[in-house]
Amino acid sequence: MRIYAHRGCSGTYPENTLAALKAAAELPVTGVEFDVHLTKDGEAVVIHDEKVDRTTDGTGYVKDMTLSEIRKLDAGSWFSEKFAGEQIPTLDEVFDIFQDTDHRLNIELKTDIFPYEGLVDKVLAKAEKRGLSDRILISSFNHEDVQAVSHKKTVEAAILTLDVYVDVYDYARVVGTNRIHMSLPAAFRRMATDALRKGAIVYVYTVNELDYVRQLQQIGIHGIFTDFPERMLAELKSGSDQ
């Protein structure tokens, strides 16, 4: 079972921060997943929500703030005072962490609410400049952007799904990919087994319990996104040693 650290090691560190991502970079997992938005002045920054309210001491939409304003926010204290002063990272800073590792980088484009015109090209250009294109996987709930990435054929792309679909694999092929990232409940529906039978590559989010992992392995799921990659690694290893 392949493991991606969901928003870095987000169960034990403040999500999508350099602390969480550096911790993930130290683990022998397949990859790391993180989310990208675009600031008012066109900088790609790593944060999950459209607004900064939940994970910082600030308020407002990322799209309405400059990078300078974003950098003044504390993105760690909400999780623990131990992480006070953590900032919202830029995409370039995250690339710095993983430049010399073997991890795959699943970049989720958070364009399903605000379109962030130009974000696709900006992310792909940064990856190409760094020589990271062969390690990049783009995903999004905005399947128009997934289709745009798929048509460029420079990096791999995956559709993100929350709902239960009929013939999700056929739909994904229309978009231009055979990679599907689905929610944990959906993975136990027929859509998952049908997609796997047709040749889809299926990953499931967000899986934090070993019992679910065992059941997903039986189905044939290729990998998971987890908030606790360090614990999941240890539990899977312990189980394989028995």
Protein backbone atom coordinates (compact mmCIF):
# COMPACT_ATOMS: atom_id res chain seq x y z
CA MET A 1 0.00 0.00 0.00
CA ARG A 2 1.52 3.30 -1.09
CA ILE A 3 1.33 6.16 1.39
CA TYR A 4 1.10 9.90 0.82
CA ALA A 5 1.45 12.31 3.74
CA HIS A 6 -1.76 14.35 3.65
CA ARG A 7 -0.92 18.07 3.91
CA GLY A 8 2.42 16.86 5.24
CA CYS A 9 2.38 15.10 8.60
CA SER A 10 -0.79 17.00 9.44
CA GLY A 11 -1.85 14.82 12.35
CA THR A 12 1.19 15.79 14.39
CA TYR A 13 2.16 19.15 12.87
CA PRO A 14 0.16 22.15 11.66
CA GLU A 15 -1.06 21.21 8.19
CA ASN A 16 0.63 22.50 5.04
CA THR A 17 3.42 24.22 6.98
CA LEU A 18 7.14 23.78 6.45
CA ALA A 19 7.27 21.88 9.75
CA ALA A 20 4.67 19.35 8.55
CA LEU A 21 6.26 19.02 5.14
CA LYS A 22 9.81 18.66 6.45
CA ALA A 23 8.62 15.89 8.75
CA ALA A 24 7.09 14.11 5.75
CA ALA A 25 10.32 14.53 3.80
CA GLU A 26 12.09 12.45 6.45
CA LEU A 27 9.76 9.48 6.01
CA PRO A 28 10.14 6.59 3.55
CA VAL A 29 6.67 7.16 2.09
CA THR A 30 5.75 7.35 -1.57
CA GLY A 31 4.90 11.02 -1.50
CA VAL A 32 3.34 14.07 0.04
CA GLU A 33 0.11 15.91 -0.76
CA PHE A 34 -0.39 19.65 -0.31
CA ASP A 35 -2.74 22.37 -1.52
CA VAL A 36 -2.04 25.49 -3.57
CA HIS A 37 -3.86 28.81 -3.85
CA LEU A 38 -2.91 32.05 -5.59
CA THR A 39 -2.42 35.34 -3.74
CA LYS A 40 -3.64 38.73 -4.91
CA ASP A 41 -0.22 39.45 -6.39
CA GLY A 42 0.03 36.11 -8.18
CA GLU A 43 2.16 34.03 -5.79
CA ALA A 44 1.46 30.31 -5.38
CA VAL A 45 1.08 29.56 -1.66
CA VAL A 46 0.42 26.33 0.21
CA ILE A 47 -2.75 26.34 2.29
CA HIS A 48 -5.93 24.26 2.17
CA ASP A 49 -8.81 26.67 2.72
CA GLU A 50 -9.89 29.58 0.56
CA LYS A 51 -9.80 31.70 3.74
CA VAL A 52 -6.95 31.95 6.22
CA ASP A 53 -9.27 31.99 9.25
CA ARG A 54 -9.09 28.33 10.32
CA THR A 55 -5.33 27.78 10.21
CA THR A 56 -3.88 31.22 11.00
CA ASP A 57 -4.43 34.17 13.30
CA GLY A 58 -5.75 36.21 10.39
CA THR A 59 -9.01 36.58 8.52
CA GLY A 60 -9.97 36.85 4.88
CA TYR A 61 -9.54 35.17 1.53
CA VAL A 62 -6.12 34.16 0.23
CA LYS A 63 -7.04 35.64 -3.15
CA ASP A 64 -7.54 39.07 -1.57
CA MET A 65 -4.18 39.15 0.22
CA THR A 66 -0.68 39.85 -1.06
CA LEU A 67 2.19 37.52 -0.29
CA SER A 68 3.57 40.13 2.10
CA GLU A 69 0.29 40.14 4.02
CA ILE A 70 0.14 36.34 4.00
CA ARG A 71 3.68 36.15 5.41
CA LYS A 72 2.69 38.14 8.50
CA LEU A 73 0.24 35.45 9.63
CA ASP A 74 0.95 32.86 12.30
CA ALA A 75 0.02 29.47 10.81
CA GLY A 76 1.16 27.33 13.73
CA SER A 77 -0.31 28.55 17.01
CA TRP A 78 -3.81 27.27 16.19
CA PHE A 79 -2.37 23.75 16.33
CA SER A 80 0.01 24.21 19.27
CA GLU A 81 2.01 27.01 20.84
CA LYS A 82 5.02 24.83 20.07
CA PHE A 83 4.60 25.85 16.42
CA ALA A 84 4.01 29.56 16.96
CA GLY A 85 5.50 31.57 14.12
CA GLU A 86 5.07 28.95 11.40
CA GLN A 87 4.15 30.68 8.16
CA ILE A 88 2.08 29.82 5.12
CA PRO A 89 4.78 28.56 2.71
CA THR A 90 5.21 29.39 -0.92
CA LEU A 91 5.28 26.62 -3.50
CA ASP A 92 8.94 27.37 -4.12
CA GLU A 93 9.76 26.79 -0.44
CA VAL A 94 8.04 23.42 -0.54
CA PHE A 95 9.94 22.50 -3.69
CA ASP A 96 13.13 23.39 -1.81
CA ILE A 97 12.33 20.74 0.81
CA PHE A 98 11.77 17.96 -1.69
CA GLN A 99 14.23 18.99 -4.39
CA ASP A 100 16.69 16.23 -3.52
CA THR A 101 14.35 13.55 -2.15
CA ASP A 102 12.63 10.73 -4.02
CA HIS A 103 9.11 11.67 -2.94
CA ARG A 104 6.30 12.23 -5.40
CA LEU A 105 4.57 15.56 -4.94
CA ASN A 106 0.79 15.57 -5.23
CA ILE A 107 -0.19 19.20 -5.70
CA GLU A 108 -3.89 19.80 -5.23
CA LEU A 109 -5.02 22.87 -7.15
CA LYS A 110 -7.66 24.55 -5.01
CA THR A 111 -9.48 25.96 -8.00
CA ASP A 112 -12.84 24.32 -7.39
CA ILE A 113 -14.30 27.52 -5.87
CA PHE A 114 -12.17 30.37 -7.23
CA PRO A 115 -10.69 29.71 -10.70
CA TYR A 116 -7.26 31.30 -10.06
CA GLU A 117 -6.56 32.01 -13.70
CA GLY A 118 -3.00 31.09 -14.60
CA LEU A 119 -2.35 28.83 -11.62
CA VAL A 120 -2.04 25.67 -13.72
CA ASP A 121 0.65 27.17 -15.96
CA LYS A 122 2.45 28.74 -13.01
CA VAL A 123 2.70 25.43 -11.12
CA LEU A 124 3.80 23.48 -14.18
CA ALA A 125 6.41 26.08 -15.09
CA LYS A 126 7.88 26.05 -11.58
CA ALA A 127 8.04 22.25 -11.60
CA GLU A 128 9.71 22.18 -15.00
CA LYS A 129 12.26 24.81 -13.99
CA ARG A 130 13.19 22.67 -10.99
CA GLY A 131 13.39 19.47 -13.00
CA LEU A 132 10.55 17.99 -10.96
CA SER A 133 7.97 17.34 -13.67
CA ASP A 134 8.43 13.57 -13.56
CA ARG A 135 7.69 13.60 -9.81
CA ILE A 136 4.65 15.86 -9.91
CA LEU A 137 1.03 14.72 -9.75
CA ILE A 138 -1.67 17.36 -10.11
CA SER A 139 -5.10 16.74 -8.61
CA SER A 140 -8.20 18.87 -8.21
CA PHE A 141 -11.94 18.83 -7.70
CA ASN A 142 -11.93 21.24 -10.64
CA HIS A 143 -11.85 18.67 -13.42
CA GLU A 144 -11.49 21.34 -16.08
CA ASP A 145 -8.02 22.04 -14.71
CA VAL A 146 -7.27 18.32 -14.49
CA GLN A 147 -8.23 18.04 -18.15
CA ALA A 148 -6.00 20.99 -19.04
CA VAL A 149 -3.06 19.37 -17.25
CA SER A 150 -3.77 15.99 -18.86
CA HIS A 151 -3.80 17.50 -22.34
CA LYS A 152 -0.41 19.12 -21.78
CA LYS A 153 1.05 15.66 -21.05
CA THR A 154 3.98 17.06 -19.05
CA VAL A 155 2.91 15.75 -15.62
CA GLU A 156 0.40 13.19 -14.37
CA ALA A 157 -3.03 14.29 -13.20
CA ALA A 158 -5.88 12.84 -11.15
CA ILE A 159 -9.51 13.72 -10.65
CA LEU A 160 -10.58 14.23 -7.05
CA THR A 161 -14.06 12.94 -6.24
CA LEU A 162 -16.23 13.28 -3.17
CA ASP A 163 -19.48 11.77 -4.35
CA VAL A 164 -20.42 8.32 -5.58
CA TYR A 165 -20.28 8.17 -9.38
CA VAL A 166 -21.63 5.76 -11.95
CA ASP A 167 -18.84 4.71 -14.35
CA VAL A 168 -16.26 7.00 -12.74
CA TYR A 169 -13.46 5.40 -14.76
CA ASP A 170 -15.20 6.21 -18.05
CA TYR A 171 -15.69 9.77 -16.82
CA ALA A 172 -12.03 10.05 -15.84
CA ARG A 173 -11.00 8.89 -19.32
CA VAL A 174 -13.14 11.67 -20.82
CA VAL A 175 -11.24 14.13 -18.62
CA GLY A 176 -8.01 12.56 -19.86
CA THR A 177 -6.64 10.47 -16.99
CA ASN A 178 -6.90 7.03 -15.45
CA ARG A 179 -6.04 8.27 -11.94
CA ILE A 180 -8.88 8.72 -9.46
CA HIS A 181 -8.57 10.02 -5.91
CA MET A 182 -11.79 9.24 -4.06
CA SER A 183 -13.15 9.68 -0.56
CA LEU A 184 -13.03 6.86 1.97
CA PRO A 185 -16.79 6.17 1.88
CA ALA A 186 -16.82 6.08 -1.93
CA ALA A 187 -13.98 3.55 -1.96
CA PHE A 188 -16.31 0.92 -0.51
CA ARG A 189 -18.88 1.40 -3.26
CA ARG A 190 -19.09 -0.35 -6.60
CA MET A 191 -17.54 2.65 -8.33
CA ALA A 192 -14.15 1.74 -6.86
CA THR A 193 -14.13 -1.93 -7.82
CA ASP A 194 -15.51 -1.15 -11.28
CA ALA A 195 -12.81 1.47 -11.83
CA LEU A 196 -10.06 -0.87 -10.65
CA ARG A 197 -11.34 -3.65 -12.90
CA LYS A 198 -11.15 -1.30 -15.89
CA GLY A 199 -7.57 -0.31 -15.11
CA ALA A 200 -7.83 2.82 -13.00
CA ILE A 201 -5.18 3.86 -10.50
CA VAL A 202 -7.16 4.57 -7.33
CA TYR A 203 -6.04 6.38 -4.18
CA VAL A 204 -8.26 7.07 -1.17
CA TYR A 205 -8.40 10.02 1.24
CA THR A 206 -8.26 10.55 4.23
CA VAL A 207 -7.37 7.20 5.83
CA ASN A 208 -6.16 7.30 9.43
CA GLU A 209 -7.20 3.88 10.74
CA LEU A 210 -5.30 0.66 10.04
CA ASP A 211 -8.52 -1.35 9.85
CA TYR A 212 -9.65 0.71 6.86
CA VAL A 213 -6.25 0.26 5.22
CA ARG A 214 -6.55 -3.51 5.49
CA GLN A 215 -9.98 -3.44 3.86
CA LEU A 216 -8.77 -1.13 1.10
CA GLN A 217 -5.87 -3.49 0.43
CA GLN A 218 -8.35 -6.33 -0.05
CA ILE A 219 -10.25 -4.26 -2.60
CA GLY A 220 -7.04 -3.57 -4.50
CA ILE A 221 -6.71 0.16 -3.83
CA HIS A 222 -3.26 1.39 -4.86
CA GLY A 223 -2.60 3.90 -2.10
CA ILE A 224 -3.88 6.23 0.60
CA PHE A 225 -3.55 9.77 1.86
CA THR A 226 -3.17 9.89 5.64
CA ASP A 227 -2.68 12.56 8.30
CA PHE A 228 -0.48 10.15 10.25
CA PRO A 229 2.03 8.71 7.77
CA GLU A 230 4.59 7.92 10.46
CA ARG A 231 2.09 5.88 12.47
CA MET A 232 0.66 4.20 9.40
CA LEU A 233 4.13 3.14 8.28
CA ALA A 234 4.83 1.60 11.67
CA GLU A 235 1.47 -0.17 11.88
CA LEU A 236 1.72 -1.61 8.38
CA LYS A 237 5.25 -2.81 9.05
CA SER A 238 4.19 -4.37 12.34
CA GLY A 239 1.34 -6.16 10.62
CA SER A 240 3.56 -7.48 7.83
CA ASP A 241 6.04 -8.86 10.37
CA GLN A 242 3.43 -11.01 12.10
